[in-house]
Each structure stands twice: as C-alpha cells, then as structure tokens.
Amino acid sequence: MPEQERAAEAPPEILRIELTSRALTVYRKILDAIVTSLVFVMVLTLIGAVAGLVLDFVAAADSFRTAVSGHSPTHGVVDGIDRELVIDVLSVFVLIELFRTFTEYLEFHRVRLRVLAEVGVAFILREIFIGLYDRSMDWHQILALAALLAVLVTARIAAIQFQPRGIGHE
C-alpha cells in the first residue's frame, strides 16, 4: 500500500520518468539475454568450425600421403588437396572476429566501430586470399576489394584516433 500511496502522490512527470526507466531496464535485460544466447551459438559454431578444420586437416594429410606415392608434390597435388583447408582456416579467423564483436557488445553495451572494421577487414582479406588462391578473381574484383579494404582500414584508424570522450584504449 505505501508504494501505491506514493505513486498517487507523485507528480505525473516523475511517474513517466520512472516508467521509462523501468522499460529501459527490461529492454536492456531482454537484449542482454538475446546477445548472450547469440554468444553461446557463436561458441558452438566456433567449436564446430575448429572440429571441421581438424577433420579436414586429417583428410588432407591422408589424401596427400596416398597421392604423393604416385605423383611428385610439384604436379599440383598440394594445390588440389588443401584448398578447403585454407578456406576453413580463414573462415575460423572471421568467426573469431565476429565472436569478439558479440563479447564486446556484452561488455560495453555498444558495438564499437573499431571492432566492426576489424571484422570487415578479416572478411575482405579472407575473400581476397581465397580468390587469389583459387586464381578465380579478375583484376576488377581485386581492385574493388582493395578499395573496400582501404576504406575499412581508414575507418578503423579513424575510430582509434577519434574515440568518444571518456573512452580509453583497451
């Protein structure tokens, strides 16, 4: 009863502020629960990616062992076997960067431009490396990805140089 009496006596502006504050608290808790579940999914995905990487490595090593008996390694055996392995390794690095984005959000309750730029850089580098490794990119694609990479690196540098006040380096 005392709480209801206090609410009846409080001015409407204070009630509105209190309701807004409660709503924001509930919103933050729901958002934290969602991001926490996403972090859990990312951990499972990362574990699965590393397990797949190990399995691909074992398969590549076995294939290499059987293929080397009939060919010399200079005849393209190595290039054919480890393509998937290279893609898996690069994909794990991108997943690690995405995982860092979610954990940074949980810690600071905001997404940092620096971290997003790092995820973008990792992803673009992955695509460039895969394209160059496969020899499947023409110069237009390489030039476009290099320009995008330059923009992301510039954004990362700017995010470090011009941090909001009161926020220090890690």
N, C-alpha and C. Protein backbone atom coordinates (compact mmCIF):
# COMPACT_ATOMS: atom_id res chain seq x y z
N MET A 1 0.79 -1.21 0.00
CA MET A 1 0.00 0.00 0.00
C MET A 1 0.84 1.28 0.00
N PRO A 2 1.92 1.32 0.77
CA PRO A 2 2.68 2.57 0.79
C PRO A 2 3.20 2.95 -0.60
N GLU A 3 3.54 1.95 -1.43
CA GLU A 3 4.04 2.23 -2.77
C GLU A 3 2.94 2.84 -3.63
N GLN A 4 1.71 2.34 -3.49
CA GLN A 4 0.59 2.88 -4.26
C GLN A 4 0.25 4.29 -3.81
N GLU A 5 0.34 4.53 -2.50
CA GLU A 5 0.07 5.88 -1.99
C GLU A 5 1.11 6.86 -2.50
N ARG A 6 2.38 6.40 -2.52
CA ARG A 6 3.47 7.24 -3.01
C ARG A 6 3.27 7.53 -4.50
N ALA A 7 2.83 6.51 -5.26
CA ALA A 7 2.60 6.70 -6.69
C ALA A 7 1.45 7.66 -6.94
N ALA A 8 0.43 7.61 -6.09
CA ALA A 8 -0.71 8.52 -6.25
C ALA A 8 -0.30 9.95 -5.94
N GLU A 9 0.65 10.12 -5.01
CA GLU A 9 1.08 11.46 -4.62
C GLU A 9 2.12 12.04 -5.57
N ALA A 10 2.83 11.20 -6.32
CA ALA A 10 3.92 11.67 -7.17
C ALA A 10 3.36 12.43 -8.37
N PRO A 11 4.09 13.45 -8.79
CA PRO A 11 3.67 14.20 -9.99
C PRO A 11 3.76 13.31 -11.23
N PRO A 12 2.96 13.59 -12.25
CA PRO A 12 2.94 12.76 -13.47
C PRO A 12 4.30 12.67 -14.16
N GLU A 13 5.10 13.72 -14.10
CA GLU A 13 6.41 13.72 -14.74
C GLU A 13 7.33 12.69 -14.10
N ILE A 14 7.31 12.56 -12.79
CA ILE A 14 8.14 11.59 -12.09
C ILE A 14 7.68 10.17 -12.43
N LEU A 15 6.37 9.97 -12.51
CA LEU A 15 5.84 8.66 -12.89
C LEU A 15 6.29 8.27 -14.30
N ARG A 16 6.24 9.23 -15.20
CA ARG A 16 6.66 8.96 -16.57
C ARG A 16 8.14 8.60 -16.62
N ILE A 17 8.96 9.30 -15.90
CA ILE A 17 10.40 9.03 -15.86
C ILE A 17 10.66 7.65 -15.26
N GLU A 18 9.94 7.32 -14.19
CA GLU A 18 10.12 6.02 -13.54
C GLU A 18 9.69 4.88 -14.47
N LEU A 19 8.57 5.05 -15.16
CA LEU A 19 8.12 4.03 -16.11
C LEU A 19 9.10 3.87 -17.27
N THR A 20 9.61 4.98 -17.75
CA THR A 20 10.60 4.93 -18.83
C THR A 20 11.86 4.20 -18.36
N SER A 21 12.28 4.50 -17.16
CA SER A 21 13.47 3.85 -16.61
C SER A 21 13.26 2.35 -16.46
N ARG A 22 12.10 1.95 -15.98
CA ARG A 22 11.80 0.51 -15.85
C ARG A 22 11.74 -0.16 -17.21
N ALA A 23 11.11 0.51 -18.17
CA ALA A 23 11.02 -0.06 -19.51
C ALA A 23 12.40 -0.24 -20.13
N LEU A 24 13.27 0.73 -19.95
CA LEU A 24 14.64 0.63 -20.47
C LEU A 24 15.41 -0.50 -19.78
N THR A 25 15.18 -0.67 -18.49
CA THR A 25 15.84 -1.76 -17.76
C THR A 25 15.39 -3.11 -18.29
N VAL A 26 14.09 -3.26 -18.52
CA VAL A 26 13.57 -4.52 -19.07
C VAL A 26 14.12 -4.73 -20.48
N TYR A 27 14.15 -3.67 -21.28
CA TYR A 27 14.68 -3.76 -22.64
C TYR A 27 16.13 -4.21 -22.62
N ARG A 28 16.96 -3.62 -21.76
CA ARG A 28 18.37 -4.00 -21.67
C ARG A 28 18.53 -5.45 -21.25
N LYS A 29 17.71 -5.90 -20.32
CA LYS A 29 17.79 -7.30 -19.88
C LYS A 29 17.43 -8.25 -21.01
N ILE A 30 16.38 -7.93 -21.77
CA ILE A 30 15.98 -8.77 -22.89
C ILE A 30 17.08 -8.78 -23.95
N LEU A 31 17.63 -7.60 -24.26
CA LEU A 31 18.70 -7.50 -25.25
C LEU A 31 19.93 -8.27 -24.79
N ASP A 32 20.29 -8.17 -23.53
CA ASP A 32 21.43 -8.93 -22.99
C ASP A 32 21.19 -10.44 -23.10
N ALA A 33 19.96 -10.87 -22.84
CA ALA A 33 19.65 -12.30 -22.96
C ALA A 33 19.78 -12.77 -24.41
N ILE A 34 19.33 -11.95 -25.34
CA ILE A 34 19.44 -12.31 -26.76
C ILE A 34 20.91 -12.38 -27.18
N VAL A 35 21.69 -11.38 -26.81
CA VAL A 35 23.10 -11.36 -27.20
C VAL A 35 23.86 -12.50 -26.51
N THR A 36 23.51 -12.81 -25.27
CA THR A 36 24.14 -13.93 -24.58
C THR A 36 23.85 -15.24 -25.29
N SER A 37 22.61 -15.41 -25.75
CA SER A 37 22.30 -16.63 -26.49
C SER A 37 23.04 -16.66 -27.82
N LEU A 38 23.21 -15.51 -28.45
CA LEU A 38 24.00 -15.46 -29.69
C LEU A 38 25.46 -15.80 -29.44
N VAL A 39 26.00 -15.35 -28.31
CA VAL A 39 27.38 -15.70 -27.95
C VAL A 39 27.50 -17.21 -27.77
N PHE A 40 26.51 -17.81 -27.13
CA PHE A 40 26.51 -19.26 -26.95
C PHE A 40 26.48 -19.97 -28.30
N VAL A 41 25.64 -19.49 -29.22
CA VAL A 41 25.57 -20.07 -30.56
C VAL A 41 26.91 -19.87 -31.28
N MET A 42 27.53 -18.71 -31.11
CA MET A 42 28.83 -18.46 -31.74
C MET A 42 29.91 -19.38 -31.19
N VAL A 43 29.87 -19.65 -29.88
CA VAL A 43 30.84 -20.58 -29.30
C VAL A 43 30.67 -21.97 -29.90
N LEU A 44 29.42 -22.42 -30.01
CA LEU A 44 29.17 -23.72 -30.62
C LEU A 44 29.62 -23.75 -32.09
N THR A 45 29.35 -22.66 -32.80
CA THR A 45 29.77 -22.56 -34.20
C THR A 45 31.29 -22.58 -34.31
N LEU A 46 31.95 -21.87 -33.42
CA LEU A 46 33.42 -21.83 -33.43
C LEU A 46 34.00 -23.20 -33.11
N ILE A 47 33.42 -23.89 -32.15
CA ILE A 47 33.87 -25.25 -31.82
C ILE A 47 33.66 -26.17 -33.02
N GLY A 48 32.50 -26.06 -33.66
CA GLY A 48 32.23 -26.87 -34.85
C GLY A 48 33.19 -26.55 -35.98
N ALA A 49 33.52 -25.28 -36.16
CA ALA A 49 34.44 -24.89 -37.23
C ALA A 49 35.84 -25.44 -36.97
N VAL A 50 36.28 -25.37 -35.72
CA VAL A 50 37.60 -25.91 -35.38
C VAL A 50 37.61 -27.42 -35.53
N ALA A 51 36.53 -28.09 -35.13
CA ALA A 51 36.44 -29.55 -35.31
C ALA A 51 36.46 -29.89 -36.80
N GLY A 52 35.73 -29.15 -37.61
CA GLY A 52 35.75 -29.37 -39.05
C GLY A 52 37.13 -29.12 -39.64
N LEU A 53 37.82 -28.12 -39.10
CA LEU A 53 39.17 -27.82 -39.56
C LEU A 53 40.12 -28.98 -39.26
N VAL A 54 39.99 -29.55 -38.08
CA VAL A 54 40.83 -30.71 -37.71
C VAL A 54 40.51 -31.89 -38.62
N LEU A 55 39.22 -32.15 -38.85
CA LEU A 55 38.84 -33.26 -39.73
C LEU A 55 39.33 -33.04 -41.16
N ASP A 56 39.24 -31.81 -41.66
CA ASP A 56 39.74 -31.51 -43.00
C ASP A 56 41.25 -31.68 -43.06
N PHE A 57 41.93 -31.31 -41.99
CA PHE A 57 43.39 -31.47 -41.95
C PHE A 57 43.77 -32.94 -42.00
N VAL A 58 43.07 -33.76 -41.22
CA VAL A 58 43.34 -35.20 -41.23
C VAL A 58 43.06 -35.78 -42.61
N ALA A 59 41.95 -35.39 -43.23
CA ALA A 59 41.62 -35.89 -44.57
C ALA A 59 42.65 -35.42 -45.60
N ALA A 60 43.09 -34.16 -45.49
CA ALA A 60 44.09 -33.64 -46.43
C ALA A 60 45.42 -34.37 -46.26
N ALA A 61 45.79 -34.62 -45.01
CA ALA A 61 47.04 -35.33 -44.77
C ALA A 61 46.97 -36.75 -45.32
N ASP A 62 45.84 -37.41 -45.13
CA ASP A 62 45.67 -38.76 -45.66
C ASP A 62 45.68 -38.76 -47.18
N SER A 63 44.98 -37.83 -47.80
CA SER A 63 44.96 -37.72 -49.25
C SER A 63 46.35 -37.40 -49.80
N PHE A 64 47.05 -36.55 -49.11
CA PHE A 64 48.40 -36.18 -49.54
C PHE A 64 49.32 -37.40 -49.48
N ARG A 65 49.19 -38.16 -48.42
CA ARG A 65 50.03 -39.34 -48.25
C ARG A 65 49.78 -40.35 -49.38
N THR A 66 48.53 -40.56 -49.74
CA THR A 66 48.23 -41.53 -50.81
C THR A 66 48.56 -40.95 -52.18
N ALA A 67 48.41 -39.65 -52.37
CA ALA A 67 48.67 -39.05 -53.68
C ALA A 67 50.16 -38.91 -53.96
N VAL A 68 50.97 -38.68 -52.94
CA VAL A 68 52.39 -38.47 -53.13
C VAL A 68 53.07 -39.74 -53.65
N SER A 69 52.52 -40.90 -53.32
CA SER A 69 53.14 -42.13 -53.78
C SER A 69 53.11 -42.24 -55.30
N GLY A 70 52.15 -41.64 -55.96
CA GLY A 70 52.04 -41.73 -57.41
C GLY A 70 52.51 -40.49 -58.15
N HIS A 71 52.61 -39.37 -57.48
CA HIS A 71 52.99 -38.10 -58.12
C HIS A 71 54.06 -37.42 -57.29
N SER A 72 54.67 -36.45 -57.91
CA SER A 72 55.54 -35.59 -57.11
C SER A 72 54.71 -34.40 -56.65
N PRO A 73 55.03 -33.81 -55.51
CA PRO A 73 54.24 -32.68 -54.99
C PRO A 73 54.19 -31.49 -55.95
N THR A 74 55.10 -31.43 -56.89
CA THR A 74 55.10 -30.30 -57.81
C THR A 74 54.06 -30.43 -58.90
N HIS A 75 53.38 -31.54 -59.01
CA HIS A 75 52.37 -31.74 -60.05
C HIS A 75 50.98 -31.29 -59.63
N GLY A 76 50.87 -30.45 -58.66
CA GLY A 76 49.57 -29.90 -58.29
C GLY A 76 48.81 -30.70 -57.25
N VAL A 77 49.42 -31.71 -56.68
CA VAL A 77 48.71 -32.49 -55.66
C VAL A 77 48.41 -31.62 -54.45
N VAL A 78 49.38 -30.83 -54.03
CA VAL A 78 49.20 -29.98 -52.86
C VAL A 78 48.11 -28.94 -53.11
N ASP A 79 48.10 -28.35 -54.30
CA ASP A 79 47.10 -27.33 -54.61
C ASP A 79 45.68 -27.88 -54.57
N GLY A 80 45.47 -29.07 -55.02
CA GLY A 80 44.14 -29.66 -55.05
C GLY A 80 43.65 -30.11 -53.70
N ILE A 81 44.54 -30.52 -52.84
CA ILE A 81 44.14 -31.10 -51.56
C ILE A 81 43.80 -30.05 -50.52
N ASP A 82 44.59 -29.02 -50.42
CA ASP A 82 44.44 -28.13 -49.27
C ASP A 82 43.61 -26.88 -49.52
N ARG A 83 42.88 -26.79 -50.64
CA ARG A 83 42.03 -25.64 -50.89
C ARG A 83 40.99 -25.47 -49.79
N GLU A 84 40.28 -26.54 -49.47
CA GLU A 84 39.26 -26.48 -48.42
C GLU A 84 39.88 -26.17 -47.06
N LEU A 85 41.07 -26.66 -46.84
CA LEU A 85 41.75 -26.40 -45.57
C LEU A 85 42.07 -24.92 -45.42
N VAL A 86 42.54 -24.29 -46.48
CA VAL A 86 42.84 -22.86 -46.45
C VAL A 86 41.57 -22.06 -46.20
N ILE A 87 40.49 -22.42 -46.89
CA ILE A 87 39.22 -21.72 -46.71
C ILE A 87 38.73 -21.88 -45.27
N ASP A 88 38.85 -23.08 -44.71
CA ASP A 88 38.41 -23.32 -43.33
C ASP A 88 39.21 -22.50 -42.32
N VAL A 89 40.52 -22.43 -42.52
CA VAL A 89 41.37 -21.65 -41.60
C VAL A 89 40.96 -20.18 -41.65
N LEU A 90 40.79 -19.65 -42.84
CA LEU A 90 40.41 -18.24 -42.98
C LEU A 90 39.01 -17.99 -42.40
N SER A 91 38.11 -18.94 -42.57
CA SER A 91 36.76 -18.80 -42.02
C SER A 91 36.77 -18.80 -40.50
N VAL A 92 37.65 -19.58 -39.90
CA VAL A 92 37.75 -19.59 -38.43
C VAL A 92 38.20 -18.23 -37.93
N PHE A 93 39.12 -17.59 -38.64
CA PHE A 93 39.56 -16.26 -38.23
C PHE A 93 38.41 -15.26 -38.29
N VAL A 94 37.57 -15.34 -39.33
CA VAL A 94 36.41 -14.45 -39.42
C VAL A 94 35.43 -14.73 -38.28
N LEU A 95 35.21 -16.00 -37.96
CA LEU A 95 34.32 -16.34 -36.84
C LEU A 95 34.85 -15.81 -35.51
N ILE A 96 36.16 -15.88 -35.33
CA ILE A 96 36.76 -15.35 -34.09
C ILE A 96 36.50 -13.85 -33.99
N GLU A 97 36.64 -13.13 -35.09
CA GLU A 97 36.38 -11.69 -35.07
C GLU A 97 34.91 -11.39 -34.79
N LEU A 98 34.00 -12.17 -35.38
CA LEU A 98 32.58 -11.99 -35.09
C LEU A 98 32.28 -12.28 -33.62
N PHE A 99 32.89 -13.30 -33.08
CA PHE A 99 32.73 -13.64 -31.68
C PHE A 99 33.18 -12.49 -30.79
N ARG A 100 34.29 -11.87 -31.16
CA ARG A 100 34.77 -10.70 -30.41
C ARG A 100 33.77 -9.55 -30.44
N THR A 101 33.07 -9.39 -31.58
CA THR A 101 32.07 -8.32 -31.68
C THR A 101 30.95 -8.53 -30.66
N PHE A 102 30.47 -9.77 -30.55
CA PHE A 102 29.39 -10.06 -29.60
C PHE A 102 29.86 -9.89 -28.16
N THR A 103 31.07 -10.34 -27.85
CA THR A 103 31.55 -10.21 -26.47
C THR A 103 31.82 -8.76 -26.12
N GLU A 104 32.27 -7.98 -27.09
CA GLU A 104 32.46 -6.54 -26.84
C GLU A 104 31.12 -5.87 -26.56
N TYR A 105 30.08 -6.29 -27.28
CA TYR A 105 28.76 -5.72 -27.04
C TYR A 105 28.29 -6.05 -25.62
N LEU A 106 28.50 -7.28 -25.20
CA LEU A 106 28.10 -7.65 -23.85
C LEU A 106 28.85 -6.84 -22.80
N GLU A 107 30.11 -6.55 -23.06
CA GLU A 107 30.91 -5.82 -22.09
C GLU A 107 30.59 -4.33 -22.05
N PHE A 108 30.43 -3.71 -23.23
CA PHE A 108 30.29 -2.26 -23.28
C PHE A 108 28.88 -1.79 -23.64
N HIS A 109 27.98 -2.71 -24.01
CA HIS A 109 26.60 -2.41 -24.41
C HIS A 109 26.54 -1.46 -25.59
N ARG A 110 27.50 -1.62 -26.47
CA ARG A 110 27.50 -0.91 -27.74
C ARG A 110 28.46 -1.64 -28.68
N VAL A 111 28.27 -1.42 -29.95
CA VAL A 111 29.15 -2.02 -30.94
C VAL A 111 30.17 -0.97 -31.34
N ARG A 112 31.42 -1.29 -31.16
CA ARG A 112 32.49 -0.35 -31.49
C ARG A 112 32.80 -0.38 -32.98
N LEU A 113 32.99 0.79 -33.55
CA LEU A 113 33.33 0.90 -34.96
C LEU A 113 34.66 0.21 -35.25
N ARG A 114 35.59 0.30 -34.32
CA ARG A 114 36.90 -0.33 -34.50
C ARG A 114 36.75 -1.83 -34.66
N VAL A 115 35.92 -2.45 -33.83
CA VAL A 115 35.74 -3.90 -33.89
C VAL A 115 35.03 -4.30 -35.17
N LEU A 116 34.01 -3.53 -35.56
CA LEU A 116 33.31 -3.83 -36.82
C LEU A 116 34.24 -3.70 -38.02
N ALA A 117 35.11 -2.69 -37.98
CA ALA A 117 36.07 -2.54 -39.08
C ALA A 117 37.03 -3.72 -39.12
N GLU A 118 37.44 -4.21 -37.96
CA GLU A 118 38.34 -5.37 -37.92
C GLU A 118 37.66 -6.61 -38.47
N VAL A 119 36.37 -6.80 -38.17
CA VAL A 119 35.63 -7.93 -38.72
C VAL A 119 35.55 -7.79 -40.24
N GLY A 120 35.26 -6.61 -40.71
CA GLY A 120 35.20 -6.37 -42.16
C GLY A 120 36.54 -6.61 -42.84
N VAL A 121 37.61 -6.16 -42.21
CA VAL A 121 38.95 -6.38 -42.77
C VAL A 121 39.25 -7.87 -42.85
N ALA A 122 38.95 -8.61 -41.78
CA ALA A 122 39.18 -10.06 -41.78
C ALA A 122 38.38 -10.74 -42.88
N PHE A 123 37.12 -10.33 -43.05
CA PHE A 123 36.28 -10.94 -44.07
C PHE A 123 36.78 -10.62 -45.48
N ILE A 124 37.14 -9.37 -45.73
CA ILE A 124 37.63 -8.97 -47.05
C ILE A 124 38.95 -9.67 -47.35
N LEU A 125 39.84 -9.74 -46.37
CA LEU A 125 41.11 -10.45 -46.59
C LEU A 125 40.86 -11.93 -46.88
N ARG A 126 39.89 -12.51 -46.21
CA ARG A 126 39.54 -13.92 -46.48
C ARG A 126 39.13 -14.08 -47.93
N GLU A 127 38.24 -13.20 -48.40
CA GLU A 127 37.77 -13.29 -49.78
C GLU A 127 38.91 -13.07 -50.78
N ILE A 128 39.79 -12.12 -50.49
CA ILE A 128 40.92 -11.87 -51.39
C ILE A 128 41.85 -13.08 -51.42
N PHE A 129 42.17 -13.61 -50.26
CA PHE A 129 43.07 -14.77 -50.21
C PHE A 129 42.47 -15.97 -50.94
N ILE A 130 41.19 -16.23 -50.73
CA ILE A 130 40.55 -17.37 -51.40
C ILE A 130 40.53 -17.15 -52.91
N GLY A 131 40.18 -15.94 -53.34
CA GLY A 131 40.15 -15.65 -54.77
C GLY A 131 41.51 -15.76 -55.42
N LEU A 132 42.53 -15.25 -54.73
CA LEU A 132 43.88 -15.34 -55.28
C LEU A 132 44.38 -16.77 -55.25
N TYR A 133 44.06 -17.50 -54.20
CA TYR A 133 44.50 -18.89 -54.09
C TYR A 133 43.86 -19.76 -55.17
N ASP A 134 42.58 -19.51 -55.44
CA ASP A 134 41.87 -20.26 -56.49
C ASP A 134 42.19 -19.75 -57.89
N ARG A 135 42.81 -18.59 -57.95
CA ARG A 135 43.05 -17.92 -59.24
C ARG A 135 41.72 -17.67 -59.97
N SER A 136 40.70 -17.29 -59.19
CA SER A 136 39.37 -17.10 -59.76
C SER A 136 38.93 -15.64 -59.79
N MET A 137 39.80 -14.72 -59.38
CA MET A 137 39.44 -13.31 -59.37
C MET A 137 40.08 -12.59 -60.54
N ASP A 138 39.29 -11.72 -61.15
CA ASP A 138 39.90 -10.87 -62.17
C ASP A 138 40.34 -9.56 -61.51
N TRP A 139 40.99 -8.74 -62.27
CA TRP A 139 41.57 -7.55 -61.68
C TRP A 139 40.52 -6.56 -61.19
N HIS A 140 39.31 -6.57 -61.80
CA HIS A 140 38.25 -5.67 -61.34
C HIS A 140 37.81 -6.01 -59.92
N GLN A 141 37.66 -7.29 -59.64
CA GLN A 141 37.25 -7.72 -58.30
C GLN A 141 38.34 -7.43 -57.28
N ILE A 142 39.57 -7.69 -57.64
CA ILE A 142 40.68 -7.41 -56.72
C ILE A 142 40.76 -5.92 -56.42
N LEU A 143 40.60 -5.10 -57.43
CA LEU A 143 40.65 -3.65 -57.24
C LEU A 143 39.50 -3.17 -56.35
N ALA A 144 38.30 -3.70 -56.57
CA ALA A 144 37.14 -3.31 -55.76
C ALA A 144 37.33 -3.75 -54.30
N LEU A 145 37.80 -4.97 -54.10
CA LEU A 145 38.02 -5.43 -52.72
C LEU A 145 39.16 -4.66 -52.05
N ALA A 146 40.18 -4.30 -52.82
CA ALA A 146 41.27 -3.50 -52.25
C ALA A 146 40.78 -2.11 -51.84
N ALA A 147 39.88 -1.52 -52.64
CA ALA A 147 39.32 -0.22 -52.29
C ALA A 147 38.47 -0.33 -51.02
N LEU A 148 37.66 -1.39 -50.95
CA LEU A 148 36.86 -1.61 -49.75
C LEU A 148 37.74 -1.85 -48.53
N LEU A 149 38.82 -2.58 -48.73
CA LEU A 149 39.77 -2.83 -47.64
C LEU A 149 40.40 -1.52 -47.17
N ALA A 150 40.75 -0.65 -48.11
CA ALA A 150 41.32 0.66 -47.75
C ALA A 150 40.33 1.49 -46.95
N VAL A 151 39.07 1.46 -47.33
CA VAL A 151 38.03 2.20 -46.59
C VAL A 151 37.89 1.65 -45.17
N LEU A 152 37.86 0.33 -45.03
CA LEU A 152 37.72 -0.28 -43.71
C LEU A 152 38.93 0.01 -42.81
N VAL A 153 40.12 -0.05 -43.39
CA VAL A 153 41.32 0.26 -42.60
C VAL A 153 41.31 1.73 -42.18
N THR A 154 40.89 2.61 -43.09
CA THR A 154 40.79 4.03 -42.75
C THR A 154 39.76 4.25 -41.64
N ALA A 155 38.63 3.55 -41.72
CA ALA A 155 37.61 3.66 -40.67
C ALA A 155 38.14 3.17 -39.33
N ARG A 156 38.91 2.10 -39.35
CA ARG A 156 39.49 1.57 -38.11
C ARG A 156 40.47 2.58 -37.51
N ILE A 157 41.32 3.14 -38.35
CA ILE A 157 42.28 4.14 -37.86
C ILE A 157 41.55 5.36 -37.31
N ALA A 158 40.52 5.81 -38.02
CA ALA A 158 39.74 6.96 -37.55
C ALA A 158 39.03 6.64 -36.24
N ALA A 159 38.55 5.42 -36.09
CA ALA A 159 37.86 5.03 -34.85
C ALA A 159 38.83 5.03 -33.67
N ILE A 160 40.07 4.71 -33.91
CA ILE A 160 41.07 4.73 -32.84
C ILE A 160 41.49 6.17 -32.54
N GLN A 161 41.70 6.96 -33.58
CA GLN A 161 42.17 8.34 -33.39
C GLN A 161 41.11 9.25 -32.78
N PHE A 162 39.85 9.05 -33.15
CA PHE A 162 38.78 9.94 -32.72
C PHE A 162 37.77 9.21 -31.85
N GLN A 163 38.24 8.68 -30.73
CA GLN A 163 37.33 7.98 -29.80
C GLN A 163 36.46 8.99 -29.07
N PRO A 164 35.24 8.58 -28.70
CA PRO A 164 34.40 9.46 -27.89
C PRO A 164 35.09 9.80 -26.56
N ARG A 165 34.79 10.94 -26.03
CA ARG A 165 35.41 11.37 -24.77
C ARG A 165 35.04 10.41 -23.65
N GLY A 166 36.01 10.15 -22.79
CA GLY A 166 35.78 9.30 -21.64
C GLY A 166 35.97 7.82 -21.92
N ILE A 167 36.33 7.49 -23.16
CA ILE A 167 36.55 6.09 -23.51
C ILE A 167 38.01 5.95 -23.90
N GLY A 168 38.72 5.15 -23.13
CA GLY A 168 40.14 4.97 -23.39
C GLY A 168 40.41 3.75 -24.23
N HIS A 169 41.66 3.57 -24.52
CA HIS A 169 42.09 2.38 -25.26
C HIS A 169 41.94 1.18 -24.36
N GLU A 170 41.90 0.00 -25.00
CA GLU A 170 41.71 -1.24 -24.24
C GLU A 170 42.87 -1.51 -23.35
